PDB file of all heavy atoms in Angstrom:
ATOM      1  N   MET A   1     -12.604   1.267  -2.709  1.00  0.00           N
ATOM      2  CA  MET A   1     -12.973   2.062  -3.879  1.00  0.00           C
ATOM      3  C   MET A   1     -12.849   1.239  -5.153  1.00  0.00           C
ATOM      4  O   MET A   1     -13.663   1.366  -6.070  1.00  0.00           O
ATOM      5  CB  MET A   1     -12.119   3.327  -3.964  1.00  0.00           C
ATOM      6  CG  MET A   1     -12.488   4.378  -2.939  1.00  0.00           C
ATOM      7  SD  MET A   1     -11.714   5.990  -3.249  1.00  0.00           S
ATOM      8  CE  MET A   1     -10.018   5.625  -2.855  1.00  0.00           C
ATOM      9  N   LEU A   2     -11.845   0.382  -5.221  1.00  0.00           N
ATOM     10  CA  LEU A   2     -11.692  -0.505  -6.374  1.00  0.00           C
ATOM     11  C   LEU A   2     -12.815  -1.532  -6.409  1.00  0.00           C
ATOM     12  O   LEU A   2     -13.325  -1.885  -7.483  1.00  0.00           O
ATOM     13  CB  LEU A   2     -10.331  -1.190  -6.318  1.00  0.00           C
ATOM     14  CG  LEU A   2     -10.018  -2.230  -7.401  1.00  0.00           C
ATOM     15  CD1 LEU A   2     -10.151  -1.638  -8.793  1.00  0.00           C
ATOM     16  CD2 LEU A   2      -8.612  -2.798  -7.198  1.00  0.00           C
ATOM     17  N   ALA A   3     -13.236  -1.998  -5.238  1.00  0.00           N
ATOM     18  CA  ALA A   3     -14.302  -3.002  -5.159  1.00  0.00           C
ATOM     19  C   ALA A   3     -15.682  -2.412  -5.401  1.00  0.00           C
ATOM     20  O   ALA A   3     -16.636  -3.157  -5.663  1.00  0.00           O
ATOM     21  CB  ALA A   3     -14.266  -3.682  -3.789  1.00  0.00           C
ATOM     22  N   GLY A   4     -15.815  -1.094  -5.299  1.00  0.00           N
ATOM     23  CA  GLY A   4     -17.118  -0.466  -5.459  1.00  0.00           C
ATOM     24  C   GLY A   4     -17.879  -0.338  -4.160  1.00  0.00           C
ATOM     25  O   GLY A   4     -19.075  -0.032  -4.154  1.00  0.00           O
ATOM     26  N   LEU A   5     -17.187  -0.557  -3.031  1.00  0.00           N
ATOM     27  CA  LEU A   5     -17.826  -0.462  -1.719  1.00  0.00           C
ATOM     28  C   LEU A   5     -17.675   0.919  -1.102  1.00  0.00           C
ATOM     29  O   LEU A   5     -18.275   1.203  -0.065  1.00  0.00           O
ATOM     30  CB  LEU A   5     -17.226  -1.516  -0.778  1.00  0.00           C
ATOM     31  CG  LEU A   5     -17.342  -2.966  -1.262  1.00  0.00           C
ATOM     32  CD1 LEU A   5     -16.643  -3.911  -0.289  1.00  0.00           C
ATOM     33  CD2 LEU A   5     -18.802  -3.359  -1.446  1.00  0.00           C
ATOM     34  N   GLU A   6     -16.849   1.764  -1.703  1.00  0.00           N
ATOM     35  CA  GLU A   6     -16.696   3.161  -1.299  1.00  0.00           C
ATOM     36  C   GLU A   6     -16.790   4.027  -2.544  1.00  0.00           C
ATOM     37  O   GLU A   6     -16.237   3.663  -3.599  1.00  0.00           O
ATOM     38  CB  GLU A   6     -15.336   3.409  -0.631  1.00  0.00           C
ATOM     39  CG  GLU A   6     -15.170   2.818   0.754  1.00  0.00           C
ATOM     40  CD  GLU A   6     -15.858   3.630   1.835  1.00  0.00           C
ATOM     41  OE1 GLU A   6     -16.363   4.739   1.520  1.00  0.00           O
ATOM     42  OE2 GLU A   6     -15.913   3.152   2.966  1.00  0.00           O
ATOM     43  N   PRO A   7     -17.467   5.181  -2.461  1.00  0.00           N
ATOM     44  CA  PRO A   7     -17.524   6.069  -3.626  1.00  0.00           C
ATOM     45  C   PRO A   7     -16.186   6.745  -3.880  1.00  0.00           C
ATOM     46  O   PRO A   7     -15.366   6.894  -2.973  1.00  0.00           O
ATOM     47  CB  PRO A   7     -18.591   7.095  -3.232  1.00  0.00           C
ATOM     48  CG  PRO A   7     -18.576   7.105  -1.732  1.00  0.00           C
ATOM     49  CD  PRO A   7     -18.245   5.695  -1.312  1.00  0.00           C
ATOM     50  N   VAL A   8     -15.967   7.143  -5.112  1.00  0.00           N
ATOM     51  CA  VAL A   8     -14.770   7.912  -5.497  1.00  0.00           C
ATOM     52  C   VAL A   8     -15.190   9.370  -5.618  1.00  0.00           C
ATOM     53  O   VAL A   8     -16.016   9.717  -6.454  1.00  0.00           O
ATOM     54  CB  VAL A   8     -14.196   7.391  -6.832  1.00  0.00           C
ATOM     55  CG1 VAL A   8     -13.032   8.272  -7.290  1.00  0.00           C
ATOM     56  CG2 VAL A   8     -13.750   5.946  -6.696  1.00  0.00           C
ATOM     57  N   ASP A   9     -14.632  10.221  -4.761  1.00  0.00           N
ATOM     58  CA  ASP A   9     -15.024  11.633  -4.758  1.00  0.00           C
ATOM     59  C   ASP A   9     -14.286  12.440  -5.815  1.00  0.00           C
ATOM     60  O   ASP A   9     -14.828  13.416  -6.349  1.00  0.00           O
ATOM     61  CB  ASP A   9     -14.780  12.231  -3.376  1.00  0.00           C
ATOM     62  CG  ASP A   9     -15.661  11.589  -2.304  1.00  0.00           C
ATOM     63  OD1 ASP A   9     -16.891  11.569  -2.495  1.00  0.00           O
ATOM     64  OD2 ASP A   9     -15.120  11.085  -1.316  1.00  0.00           O
ATOM     65  N   GLU A  10     -13.050  12.064  -6.088  1.00  0.00           N
ATOM     66  CA  GLU A  10     -12.257  12.753  -7.116  1.00  0.00           C
ATOM     67  C   GLU A  10     -11.427  11.718  -7.857  1.00  0.00           C
ATOM     68  O   GLU A  10     -11.034  10.700  -7.298  1.00  0.00           O
ATOM     69  CB  GLU A  10     -11.318  13.794  -6.478  1.00  0.00           C
ATOM     70  CG  GLU A  10     -12.028  14.920  -5.751  1.00  0.00           C
ATOM     71  CD  GLU A  10     -11.054  15.821  -4.988  1.00  0.00           C
ATOM     72  OE1 GLU A  10      -9.842  15.493  -4.952  1.00  0.00           O
ATOM     73  OE2 GLU A  10     -11.501  16.834  -4.426  1.00  0.00           O
ATOM     74  N   GLY A  11     -11.155  11.977  -9.127  1.00  0.00           N
ATOM     75  CA  GLY A  11     -10.314  11.082  -9.903  1.00  0.00           C
ATOM     76  C   GLY A  11     -11.098   9.922 -10.503  1.00  0.00           C
ATOM     77  O   GLY A  11     -12.339   9.940 -10.576  1.00  0.00           O
ATOM     78  N   ASP A  12     -10.370   8.894 -10.914  1.00  0.00           N
ATOM     79  CA  ASP A  12     -10.991   7.777 -11.624  1.00  0.00           C
ATOM     80  C   ASP A  12     -10.289   6.466 -11.260  1.00  0.00           C
ATOM     81  O   ASP A  12      -9.091   6.450 -10.965  1.00  0.00           O
ATOM     82  CB  ASP A  12     -10.888   8.014 -13.139  1.00  0.00           C
ATOM     83  CG  ASP A  12     -11.937   7.245 -13.929  1.00  0.00           C
ATOM     84  OD1 ASP A  12     -12.727   6.494 -13.308  1.00  0.00           O
ATOM     85  OD2 ASP A  12     -11.965   7.393 -15.165  1.00  0.00           O
ATOM     86  N   VAL A  13     -11.057   5.385 -11.295  1.00  0.00           N
ATOM     87  CA  VAL A  13     -10.533   4.042 -11.110  1.00  0.00           C
ATOM     88  C   VAL A  13     -10.866   3.246 -12.366  1.00  0.00           C
ATOM     89  O   VAL A  13     -12.022   3.230 -12.811  1.00  0.00           O
ATOM     90  CB  VAL A  13     -11.142   3.345  -9.874  1.00  0.00           C
ATOM     91  CG1 VAL A  13     -10.617   1.917  -9.753  1.00  0.00           C
ATOM     92  CG2 VAL A  13     -10.833   4.126  -8.605  1.00  0.00           C
ATOM     93  N   LEU A  14      -9.842   2.609 -12.949  1.00  0.00           N
ATOM     94  CA  LEU A  14     -10.038   1.900 -14.205  1.00  0.00           C
ATOM     95  C   LEU A  14      -9.559   0.455 -14.084  1.00  0.00           C
ATOM     96  O   LEU A  14      -8.554   0.172 -13.439  1.00  0.00           O
ATOM     97  CB  LEU A  14      -9.283   2.580 -15.353  1.00  0.00           C
ATOM     98  CG  LEU A  14      -9.598   4.058 -15.618  1.00  0.00           C
ATOM     99  CD1 LEU A  14      -8.580   4.947 -14.900  1.00  0.00           C
ATOM    100  CD2 LEU A  14      -9.589   4.362 -17.103  1.00  0.00           C
ATOM    101  N   ILE A  15     -10.293  -0.464 -14.710  1.00  0.00           N
ATOM    102  CA  ILE A  15      -9.881  -1.847 -14.862  1.00  0.00           C
ATOM    103  C   ILE A  15      -9.769  -2.117 -16.355  1.00  0.00           C
ATOM    104  O   ILE A  15     -10.728  -1.927 -17.097  1.00  0.00           O
ATOM    105  CB  ILE A  15     -10.881  -2.820 -14.210  1.00  0.00           C
ATOM    106  CG1 ILE A  15     -10.947  -2.570 -12.699  1.00  0.00           C
ATOM    107  CG2 ILE A  15     -10.487  -4.266 -14.488  1.00  0.00           C
ATOM    108  CD1 ILE A  15     -11.944  -3.458 -11.971  1.00  0.00           C
ATOM    109  N   ASP A  16      -8.587  -2.509 -16.787  1.00  0.00           N
ATOM    110  CA  ASP A  16      -8.305  -2.690 -18.224  1.00  0.00           C
ATOM    111  C   ASP A  16      -8.642  -1.441 -19.040  1.00  0.00           C
ATOM    112  O   ASP A  16      -9.163  -1.529 -20.148  1.00  0.00           O
ATOM    113  CB  ASP A  16      -9.070  -3.896 -18.773  1.00  0.00           C
ATOM    114  CG  ASP A  16      -8.247  -5.172 -18.730  1.00  0.00           C
ATOM    115  OD1 ASP A  16      -7.014  -5.077 -18.526  1.00  0.00           O
ATOM    116  OD2 ASP A  16      -8.819  -6.262 -18.896  1.00  0.00           O
ATOM    117  N   GLY A  17      -8.338  -0.271 -18.457  1.00  0.00           N
ATOM    118  CA  GLY A  17      -8.543   0.980 -19.166  1.00  0.00           C
ATOM    119  C   GLY A  17      -9.965   1.480 -19.183  1.00  0.00           C
ATOM    120  O   GLY A  17     -10.246   2.545 -19.739  1.00  0.00           O
ATOM    121  N   ARG A  18     -10.871   0.762 -18.544  1.00  0.00           N
ATOM    122  CA  ARG A  18     -12.284   1.153 -18.527  1.00  0.00           C
ATOM    123  C   ARG A  18     -12.656   1.644 -17.140  1.00  0.00           C
ATOM    124  O   ARG A  18     -12.404   0.963 -16.150  1.00  0.00           O
ATOM    125  CB  ARG A  18     -13.169  -0.040 -18.910  1.00  0.00           C
ATOM    126  CG  ARG A  18     -14.663   0.243 -18.825  1.00  0.00           C
ATOM    127  CD  ARG A  18     -15.437  -1.060 -18.909  1.00  0.00           C
ATOM    128  NE  ARG A  18     -16.863  -0.850 -18.689  1.00  0.00           N
ATOM    129  CZ  ARG A  18     -17.711  -1.781 -18.293  1.00  0.00           C
ATOM    130  NH1 ARG A  18     -17.259  -3.004 -18.057  1.00  0.00           N
ATOM    131  NH2 ARG A  18     -18.993  -1.518 -18.127  1.00  0.00           N
ATOM    132  N   SER A  19     -13.251   2.823 -17.067  1.00  0.00           N
ATOM    133  CA  SER A  19     -13.656   3.377 -15.780  1.00  0.00           C
ATOM    134  C   SER A  19     -14.732   2.510 -15.145  1.00  0.00           C
ATOM    135  O   SER A  19     -15.688   2.104 -15.807  1.00  0.00           O
ATOM    136  CB  SER A  19     -14.181   4.802 -15.950  1.00  0.00           C
ATOM    137  OG  SER A  19     -14.659   5.303 -14.710  1.00  0.00           O
ATOM    138  N   VAL A  20     -14.544   2.223 -13.854  1.00  0.00           N
ATOM    139  CA  VAL A  20     -15.548   1.444 -13.131  1.00  0.00           C
ATOM    140  C   VAL A  20     -16.259   2.299 -12.094  1.00  0.00           C
ATOM    141  O   VAL A  20     -17.075   1.774 -11.317  1.00  0.00           O
ATOM    142  CB  VAL A  20     -14.914   0.202 -12.468  1.00  0.00           C
ATOM    143  CG1 VAL A  20     -14.393  -0.757 -13.514  1.00  0.00           C
ATOM    144  CG2 VAL A  20     -13.801   0.607 -11.490  1.00  0.00           C
ATOM    145  N   VAL A  21     -15.960   3.588 -12.047  1.00  0.00           N
ATOM    146  CA  VAL A  21     -16.641   4.482 -11.112  1.00  0.00           C
ATOM    147  C   VAL A  21     -18.125   4.511 -11.466  1.00  0.00           C
ATOM    148  O   VAL A  21     -18.499   4.760 -12.608  1.00  0.00           O
ATOM    149  CB  VAL A  21     -16.039   5.895 -11.157  1.00  0.00           C
ATOM    150  CG1 VAL A  21     -16.868   6.852 -10.301  1.00  0.00           C
ATOM    151  CG2 VAL A  21     -14.603   5.880 -10.672  1.00  0.00           C
ATOM    152  N   GLY A  22     -18.958   4.228 -10.511  1.00  0.00           N
ATOM    153  CA  GLY A  22     -20.395   4.182 -10.753  1.00  0.00           C
ATOM    154  C   GLY A  22     -20.924   2.793 -11.038  1.00  0.00           C
ATOM    155  O   GLY A  22     -22.134   2.565 -10.962  1.00  0.00           O
ATOM    156  N   LEU A  23     -20.033   1.848 -11.374  1.00  0.00           N
ATOM    157  CA  LEU A  23     -20.471   0.473 -11.600  1.00  0.00           C
ATOM    158  C   LEU A  23     -20.744  -0.217 -10.270  1.00  0.00           C
ATOM    159  O   LEU A  23     -20.018  -0.020  -9.296  1.00  0.00           O
ATOM    160  CB  LEU A  23     -19.408  -0.323 -12.350  1.00  0.00           C
ATOM    161  CG  LEU A  23     -19.290  -0.148 -13.874  1.00  0.00           C
ATOM    162  CD1 LEU A  23     -18.216  -1.090 -14.405  1.00  0.00           C
ATOM    163  CD2 LEU A  23     -20.618  -0.417 -14.562  1.00  0.00           C
ATOM    164  N   ALA A  24     -21.759  -1.067 -10.239  1.00  0.00           N
ATOM    165  CA  ALA A  24     -22.038  -1.858  -9.046  1.00  0.00           C
ATOM    166  C   ALA A  24     -20.903  -2.849  -8.816  1.00  0.00           C
ATOM    167  O   ALA A  24     -20.251  -3.286  -9.777  1.00  0.00           O
ATOM    168  CB  ALA A  24     -23.360  -2.596  -9.214  1.00  0.00           C
ATOM    169  N   PRO A  25     -20.638  -3.230  -7.572  1.00  0.00           N
ATOM    170  CA  PRO A  25     -19.553  -4.189  -7.293  1.00  0.00           C
ATOM    171  C   PRO A  25     -19.648  -5.465  -8.122  1.00  0.00           C
ATOM    172  O   PRO A  25     -18.634  -5.969  -8.604  1.00  0.00           O
ATOM    173  CB  PRO A  25     -19.720  -4.471  -5.802  1.00  0.00           C
ATOM    174  CG  PRO A  25     -20.331  -3.221  -5.246  1.00  0.00           C
ATOM    175  CD  PRO A  25     -21.261  -2.732  -6.323  1.00  0.00           C
ATOM    176  N   ARG A  26     -20.846  -5.989  -8.307  1.00  0.00           N
ATOM    177  CA  ARG A  26     -21.006  -7.255  -9.044  1.00  0.00           C
ATOM    178  C   ARG A  26     -20.680  -7.122 -10.524  1.00  0.00           C
ATOM    179  O   ARG A  26     -20.440  -8.120 -11.202  1.00  0.00           O
ATOM    180  CB  ARG A  26     -22.420  -7.786  -8.869  1.00  0.00           C
ATOM    181  CG  ARG A  26     -23.509  -6.895  -9.468  1.00  0.00           C
ATOM    182  CD  ARG A  26     -24.895  -7.512  -9.295  1.00  0.00           C
ATOM    183  NE  ARG A  26     -25.933  -6.657  -9.832  1.00  0.00           N
ATOM    184  CZ  ARG A  26     -26.534  -5.679  -9.158  1.00  0.00           C
ATOM    185  NH1 ARG A  26     -26.155  -5.440  -7.897  1.00  0.00           N
ATOM    186  NH2 ARG A  26     -27.471  -4.940  -9.702  1.00  0.00           N
ATOM    187  N   ALA A  27     -20.653  -5.869 -11.014  1.00  0.00           N
ATOM    188  CA  ALA A  27     -20.375  -5.654 -12.431  1.00  0.00           C
ATOM    189  C   ALA A  27     -18.893  -5.426 -12.703  1.00  0.00           C
ATOM    190  O   ALA A  27     -18.495  -5.225 -13.850  1.00  0.00           O
ATOM    191  CB  ALA A  27     -21.180  -4.451 -12.939  1.00  0.00           C
ATOM    192  N   ARG A  28     -18.060  -5.475 -11.685  1.00  0.00           N
ATOM    193  CA  ARG A  28     -16.635  -5.156 -11.843  1.00  0.00           C
ATOM    194  C   ARG A  28     -15.760  -6.386 -12.062  1.00  0.00           C
ATOM    195  O   ARG A  28     -14.569  -6.250 -12.315  1.00  0.00           O
ATOM    196  CB  ARG A  28     -16.139  -4.377 -10.612  1.00  0.00           C
ATOM    197  CG  ARG A  28     -16.892  -3.072 -10.419  1.00  0.00           C
ATOM    198  CD  ARG A  28     -16.287  -2.213  -9.338  1.00  0.00           C
ATOM    199  NE  ARG A  28     -17.055  -0.984  -9.159  1.00  0.00           N
ATOM    200  CZ  ARG A  28     -16.584   0.137  -8.642  1.00  0.00           C
ATOM    201  NH1 ARG A  28     -15.332   0.191  -8.215  1.00  0.00           N
ATOM    202  NH2 ARG A  28     -17.350   1.202  -8.518  1.00  0.00           N
TER     203      ARG A  28
END
């Protein structure tokens, strides 16, 4: 889910305080 290879169904994943949910793996 952190890598972007699995969708996040609930909640949020953030890198440096920025949500990466919906971002392509290469953009993370």
